[in-house]
Amino acid sequence: MEFYATNGSRISTYGTIKLELDFGLRRNFTWSFLVADISDPIIGADSLERFELLIDVRNRRLLDGFTSLFVKGTVKRAKSLGLTLVANNSSFHSILLQYPNLFPTNLDPNKNKNTITHCIETKGPPVHARDRRLNPEKLPSLKQEFNDLMRQ
């Protein structure tokens, strides 16, 4: 597996390393991390899901869904470099290599002077609708779709 930036440049990887992390939640988390040549480490949603860890952005804390404990965190501003993963044998990979300027990315975070912050303000109570029974005519096709998704 190889990693590429959106501009087509390759990101060097150096294998995996198994680490045991202690976030102060009274249990340790063992995970295999991919070592890559990037400036900021990334913890994927797959590891958060595996250990039932939840990110509470509003209160800046990491919640343990298993033990209900939490630890306070801090916000770190980072420049988004628009990284993506495209397999070498993908037809999209060859197209991206033909047009390197299609997704220009400045891989030097010190040169990127963009200070735009995106925010979605929400007001009022969450939207809610009561539960309703599924139409019996749609149930067989829904079950088939669900089984197809489970086999993937």
C-alpha atoms as a PDB file:
ATOM      1  CA  MET A   1       0.000   0.000   0.000  1.00  0.00           C
ATOM      2  CA  GLU A   2       1.313   3.407  -0.931  1.00  0.00           C
ATOM      3  CA  PHE A   3       0.137   6.824   0.176  1.00  0.00           C
ATOM      4  CA  TYR A   4      -0.068   9.838  -2.095  1.00  0.00           C
ATOM      5  CA  ALA A   5      -0.840  13.497  -1.601  1.00  0.00           C
ATOM      6  CA  THR A   6      -3.563  14.898  -3.804  1.00  0.00           C
ATOM      7  CA  ASN A   7      -0.941  16.423  -6.078  1.00  0.00           C
ATOM      8  CA  GLY A   8       0.347  12.926  -6.886  1.00  0.00           C
ATOM      9  CA  SER A   9       3.562  13.070  -4.863  1.00  0.00           C
ATOM     10  CA  ARG A  10       4.341   9.904  -2.930  1.00  0.00           C
ATOM     11  CA  ILE A  11       4.440   9.921   0.876  1.00  0.00           C
ATOM     12  CA  SER A  12       7.219   7.697   2.178  1.00  0.00           C
ATOM     13  CA  THR A  13       6.193   4.948   4.600  1.00  0.00           C
ATOM     14  CA  TYR A  14       8.461   2.865   6.810  1.00  0.00           C
ATOM     15  CA  GLY A  15       6.342  -0.088   7.888  1.00  0.00           C
ATOM     16  CA  THR A  16       4.242  -0.500  10.987  1.00  0.00           C
ATOM     17  CA  ILE A  17       4.944  -0.250  14.682  1.00  0.00           C
ATOM     18  CA  LYS A  18       2.853  -1.709  17.477  1.00  0.00           C
ATOM     19  CA  LEU A  19       2.461   0.730  20.360  1.00  0.00           C
ATOM     20  CA  GLU A  20       0.682   0.604  23.677  1.00  0.00           C
ATOM     21  CA  LEU A  21      -0.893   3.978  24.394  1.00  0.00           C
ATOM     22  CA  ASP A  22      -1.933   5.244  27.819  1.00  0.00           C
ATOM     23  CA  PHE A  23      -4.333   8.195  27.648  1.00  0.00           C
ATOM     24  CA  GLY A  24      -4.982   8.183  31.399  1.00  0.00           C
ATOM     25  CA  LEU A  25      -8.261   6.269  31.071  1.00  0.00           C
ATOM     26  CA  ARG A  26      -7.227   3.387  33.395  1.00  0.00           C
ATOM     27  CA  ARG A  27      -6.642   1.034  30.475  1.00  0.00           C
ATOM     28  CA  ASN A  28      -4.016   0.816  27.759  1.00  0.00           C
ATOM     29  CA  PHE A  29      -4.669   0.693  24.038  1.00  0.00           C
ATOM     30  CA  THR A  30      -2.490  -1.490  21.793  1.00  0.00           C
ATOM     31  CA  TRP A  31      -2.586  -0.611  18.093  1.00  0.00           C
ATOM     32  CA  SER A  32      -0.420  -1.115  15.000  1.00  0.00           C
ATOM     33  CA  PHE A  33       0.436   2.258  13.480  1.00  0.00           C
ATOM     34  CA  LEU A  34       1.763   2.938   9.995  1.00  0.00           C
ATOM     35  CA  VAL A  35       4.957   5.002  10.171  1.00  0.00           C
ATOM     36  CA  ALA A  36       4.876   7.678   7.451  1.00  0.00           C
ATOM     37  CA  ASP A  37       6.842  10.776   6.555  1.00  0.00           C
ATOM     38  CA  ILE A  38       4.276  13.350   7.739  1.00  0.00           C
ATOM     39  CA  SER A  39       4.621  16.226  10.185  1.00  0.00           C
ATOM     40  CA  ASP A  40       1.536  15.517  12.320  1.00  0.00           C
ATOM     41  CA  PRO A  41       0.451  12.064  13.530  1.00  0.00           C
ATOM     42  CA  ILE A  42      -3.041  10.895  12.613  1.00  0.00           C
ATOM     43  CA  ILE A  43      -5.165   8.509  14.671  1.00  0.00           C
ATOM     44  CA  GLY A  44      -7.786   6.989  12.413  1.00  0.00           C
ATOM     45  CA  ALA A  45     -11.468   6.562  13.101  1.00  0.00           C
ATOM     46  CA  ASP A  46     -10.959   2.785  12.955  1.00  0.00           C
ATOM     47  CA  SER A  47      -8.841   2.810  16.118  1.00  0.00           C
ATOM     48  CA  LEU A  48     -11.245   5.162  17.906  1.00  0.00           C
ATOM     49  CA  GLU A  49     -14.125   2.857  17.001  1.00  0.00           C
ATOM     50  CA  ARG A  50     -12.249  -0.306  18.010  1.00  0.00           C
ATOM     51  CA  PHE A  51     -11.606   1.005  21.534  1.00  0.00           C
ATOM     52  CA  GLU A  52     -14.962   2.806  21.902  1.00  0.00           C
ATOM     53  CA  LEU A  53     -13.281   6.203  22.203  1.00  0.00           C
ATOM     54  CA  LEU A  54     -15.363   9.297  21.536  1.00  0.00           C
ATOM     55  CA  ILE A  55     -14.164  12.821  20.872  1.00  0.00           C
ATOM     56  CA  ASP A  56     -16.153  15.529  22.657  1.00  0.00           C
ATOM     57  CA  VAL A  57     -15.149  18.578  20.628  1.00  0.00           C
ATOM     58  CA  ARG A  58     -17.261  21.047  22.577  1.00  0.00           C
ATOM     59  CA  ASN A  59     -15.763  20.162  25.960  1.00  0.00           C
ATOM     60  CA  ARG A  60     -12.352  19.251  24.516  1.00  0.00           C
ATOM     61  CA  ARG A  61     -12.153  15.784  25.988  1.00  0.00           C
ATOM     62  CA  LEU A  62     -11.595  12.188  24.995  1.00  0.00           C
ATOM     63  CA  LEU A  63     -14.357   9.934  26.333  1.00  0.00           C
ATOM     64  CA  ASP A  64     -14.006   6.221  26.969  1.00  0.00           C
ATOM     65  CA  GLY A  65     -17.339   4.696  25.945  1.00  0.00           C
ATOM     66  CA  PHE A  66     -16.437   1.479  27.766  1.00  0.00           C
ATOM     67  CA  THR A  67     -15.558   2.893  31.210  1.00  0.00           C
ATOM     68  CA  SER A  68     -17.292   6.314  30.954  1.00  0.00           C
ATOM     69  CA  LEU A  69     -14.042   7.997  32.009  1.00  0.00           C
ATOM     70  CA  PHE A  70     -12.649  11.012  30.178  1.00  0.00           C
ATOM     71  CA  VAL A  71      -9.464  13.034  29.899  1.00  0.00           C
ATOM     72  CA  LYS A  72      -9.172  16.699  29.005  1.00  0.00           C
ATOM     73  CA  GLY A  73      -7.503  17.555  25.724  1.00  0.00           C
ATOM     74  CA  THR A  74      -6.288  20.595  23.866  1.00  0.00           C
ATOM     75  CA  VAL A  75      -7.048  21.966  20.432  1.00  0.00           C
ATOM     76  CA  LYS A  76      -4.193  22.013  17.971  1.00  0.00           C
ATOM     77  CA  ARG A  77      -4.508  24.037  14.812  1.00  0.00           C
ATOM     78  CA  ALA A  78      -3.106  22.139  11.851  1.00  0.00           C
ATOM     79  CA  LYS A  79      -3.025  22.895   8.183  1.00  0.00           C
ATOM     80  CA  SER A  80      -5.022  20.448   6.093  1.00  0.00           C
ATOM     81  CA  LEU A  81      -2.800  19.100   3.356  1.00  0.00           C
ATOM     82  CA  GLY A  82      -5.550  17.219   1.529  1.00  0.00           C
ATOM     83  CA  LEU A  83      -3.948  13.780   1.819  1.00  0.00           C
ATOM     84  CA  THR A  84      -5.576  10.807   0.199  1.00  0.00           C
ATOM     85  CA  LEU A  85      -4.904   7.123  -0.449  1.00  0.00           C
ATOM     86  CA  VAL A  86      -5.081   5.770  -3.988  1.00  0.00           C
ATOM     87  CA  ALA A  87      -3.976   2.242  -4.824  1.00  0.00           C
ATOM     88  CA  ASN A  88      -1.361   1.934  -7.581  1.00  0.00           C
ATOM     89  CA  ASN A  89      -3.510  -0.468  -9.573  1.00  0.00           C
ATOM     90  CA  SER A  90      -6.516   1.879  -9.511  1.00  0.00           C
ATOM     91  CA  SER A  91      -7.568   3.495 -12.783  1.00  0.00           C
ATOM     92  CA  PHE A  92      -7.854   6.781 -10.867  1.00  0.00           C
ATOM     93  CA  HIS A  93      -4.171   6.630  -9.944  1.00  0.00           C
ATOM     94  CA  SER A  94      -3.050   6.816 -13.582  1.00  0.00           C
ATOM     95  CA  ILE A  95      -5.449   9.708 -14.243  1.00  0.00           C
ATOM     96  CA  LEU A  96      -4.135  11.651 -11.237  1.00  0.00           C
ATOM     97  CA  LEU A  97      -0.558  11.186 -12.446  1.00  0.00           C
ATOM     98  CA  GLN A  98      -1.483  12.629 -15.848  1.00  0.00           C
ATOM     99  CA  TYR A  99      -2.855  15.821 -14.257  1.00  0.00           C
ATOM    100  CA  PRO A 100      -0.646  16.727 -11.271  1.00  0.00           C
ATOM    101  CA  ASN A 101      -1.927  20.325 -11.190  1.00  0.00           C
ATOM    102  CA  LEU A 102      -5.537  19.211 -10.850  1.00  0.00           C
ATOM    103  CA  PHE A 103      -5.188  18.994  -7.060  1.00  0.00           C
ATOM    104  CA  PRO A 104      -2.310  21.299  -6.183  1.00  0.00           C
ATOM    105  CA  THR A 105      -1.127  20.892  -2.615  1.00  0.00           C
ATOM    106  CA  ASN A 106       1.604  22.747  -0.816  1.00  0.00           C
ATOM    107  CA  LEU A 107       3.242  20.056   1.307  1.00  0.00           C
ATOM    108  CA  ASP A 108       5.244  22.586   3.319  1.00  0.00           C
ATOM    109  CA  PRO A 109       2.908  23.669   6.153  1.00  0.00           C
ATOM    110  CA  ASN A 110       5.083  26.717   6.874  1.00  0.00           C
ATOM    111  CA  LYS A 111       4.432  28.152   3.398  1.00  0.00           C
ATOM    112  CA  ASN A 112       0.642  27.827   3.608  1.00  0.00           C
ATOM    113  CA  LYS A 113      -0.672  31.135   4.959  1.00  0.00           C
ATOM    114  CA  ASN A 114      -4.375  30.263   4.710  1.00  0.00           C
ATOM    115  CA  THR A 115      -6.131  31.250   7.948  1.00  0.00           C
ATOM    116  CA  ILE A 116      -9.659  30.209   6.989  1.00  0.00           C
ATOM    117  CA  THR A 117     -11.573  28.405   9.733  1.00  0.00           C
ATOM    118  CA  HIS A 118     -14.747  26.510   8.826  1.00  0.00           C
ATOM    119  CA  CYS A 119     -17.582  26.480  11.345  1.00  0.00           C
ATOM    120  CA  ILE A 120     -21.196  25.333  11.196  1.00  0.00           C
ATOM    121  CA  GLU A 121     -23.321  27.127  13.774  1.00  0.00           C
ATOM    122  CA  THR A 122     -26.401  25.241  14.888  1.00  0.00           C
ATOM    123  CA  LYS A 123     -29.240  26.743  16.879  1.00  0.00           C
ATOM    124  CA  GLY A 124     -32.363  25.228  18.339  1.00  0.00           C
ATOM    125  CA  PRO A 125     -33.153  21.666  19.342  1.00  0.00           C
ATOM    126  CA  PRO A 126     -32.067  18.731  17.195  1.00  0.00           C
ATOM    127  CA  VAL A 127     -34.474  17.563  14.525  1.00  0.00           C
ATOM    128  CA  HIS A 128     -36.455  14.545  15.660  1.00  0.00           C
ATOM    129  CA  ALA A 129     -39.115  12.247  14.250  1.00  0.00           C
ATOM    130  CA  ARG A 130     -40.845   9.372  16.000  1.00  0.00           C
ATOM    131  CA  ASP A 131     -39.961   5.788  15.072  1.00  0.00           C
ATOM    132  CA  ARG A 132     -42.075   4.170  12.382  1.00  0.00           C
ATOM    133  CA  ARG A 133     -42.382   0.569  11.270  1.00  0.00           C
ATOM    134  CA  LEU A 134     -40.761  -0.248   7.921  1.00  0.00           C
ATOM    135  CA  ASN A 135     -43.073  -0.909   4.994  1.00  0.00           C
ATOM    136  CA  PRO A 136     -43.334  -4.763   4.788  1.00  0.00           C
ATOM    137  CA  GLU A 137     -42.920  -4.645   0.987  1.00  0.00           C
ATOM    138  CA  LYS A 138     -39.478  -3.043   1.376  1.00  0.00           C
ATOM    139  CA  LEU A 139     -38.197  -5.470   4.025  1.00  0.00           C
ATOM    140  CA  PRO A 140     -36.873  -8.247   1.685  1.00  0.00           C
ATOM    141  CA  SER A 141     -34.878  -5.831  -0.471  1.00  0.00           C
ATOM    142  CA  LEU A 142     -33.525  -4.078   2.619  1.00  0.00           C
ATOM    143  CA  LYS A 143     -32.430  -7.408   4.133  1.00  0.00           C
ATOM    144  CA  GLN A 144     -30.699  -8.332   0.867  1.00  0.00           C
ATOM    145  CA  GLU A 145     -28.893  -4.980   0.756  1.00  0.00           C
ATOM    146  CA  PHE A 146     -27.829  -5.344   4.379  1.00  0.00           C
ATOM    147  CA  ASN A 147     -26.488  -8.868   3.759  1.00  0.00           C
ATOM    148  CA  ASP A 148     -24.555  -7.619   0.709  1.00  0.00           C
ATOM    149  CA  LEU A 149     -22.977  -4.874   2.820  1.00  0.00           C
ATOM    150  CA  MET A 150     -22.045  -7.363   5.551  1.00  0.00           C
ATOM    151  CA  ARG A 151     -20.239  -9.596   3.019  1.00  0.00           C
ATOM    152  CA  GLN A 152     -18.001  -6.723   1.860  1.00  0.00           C
END
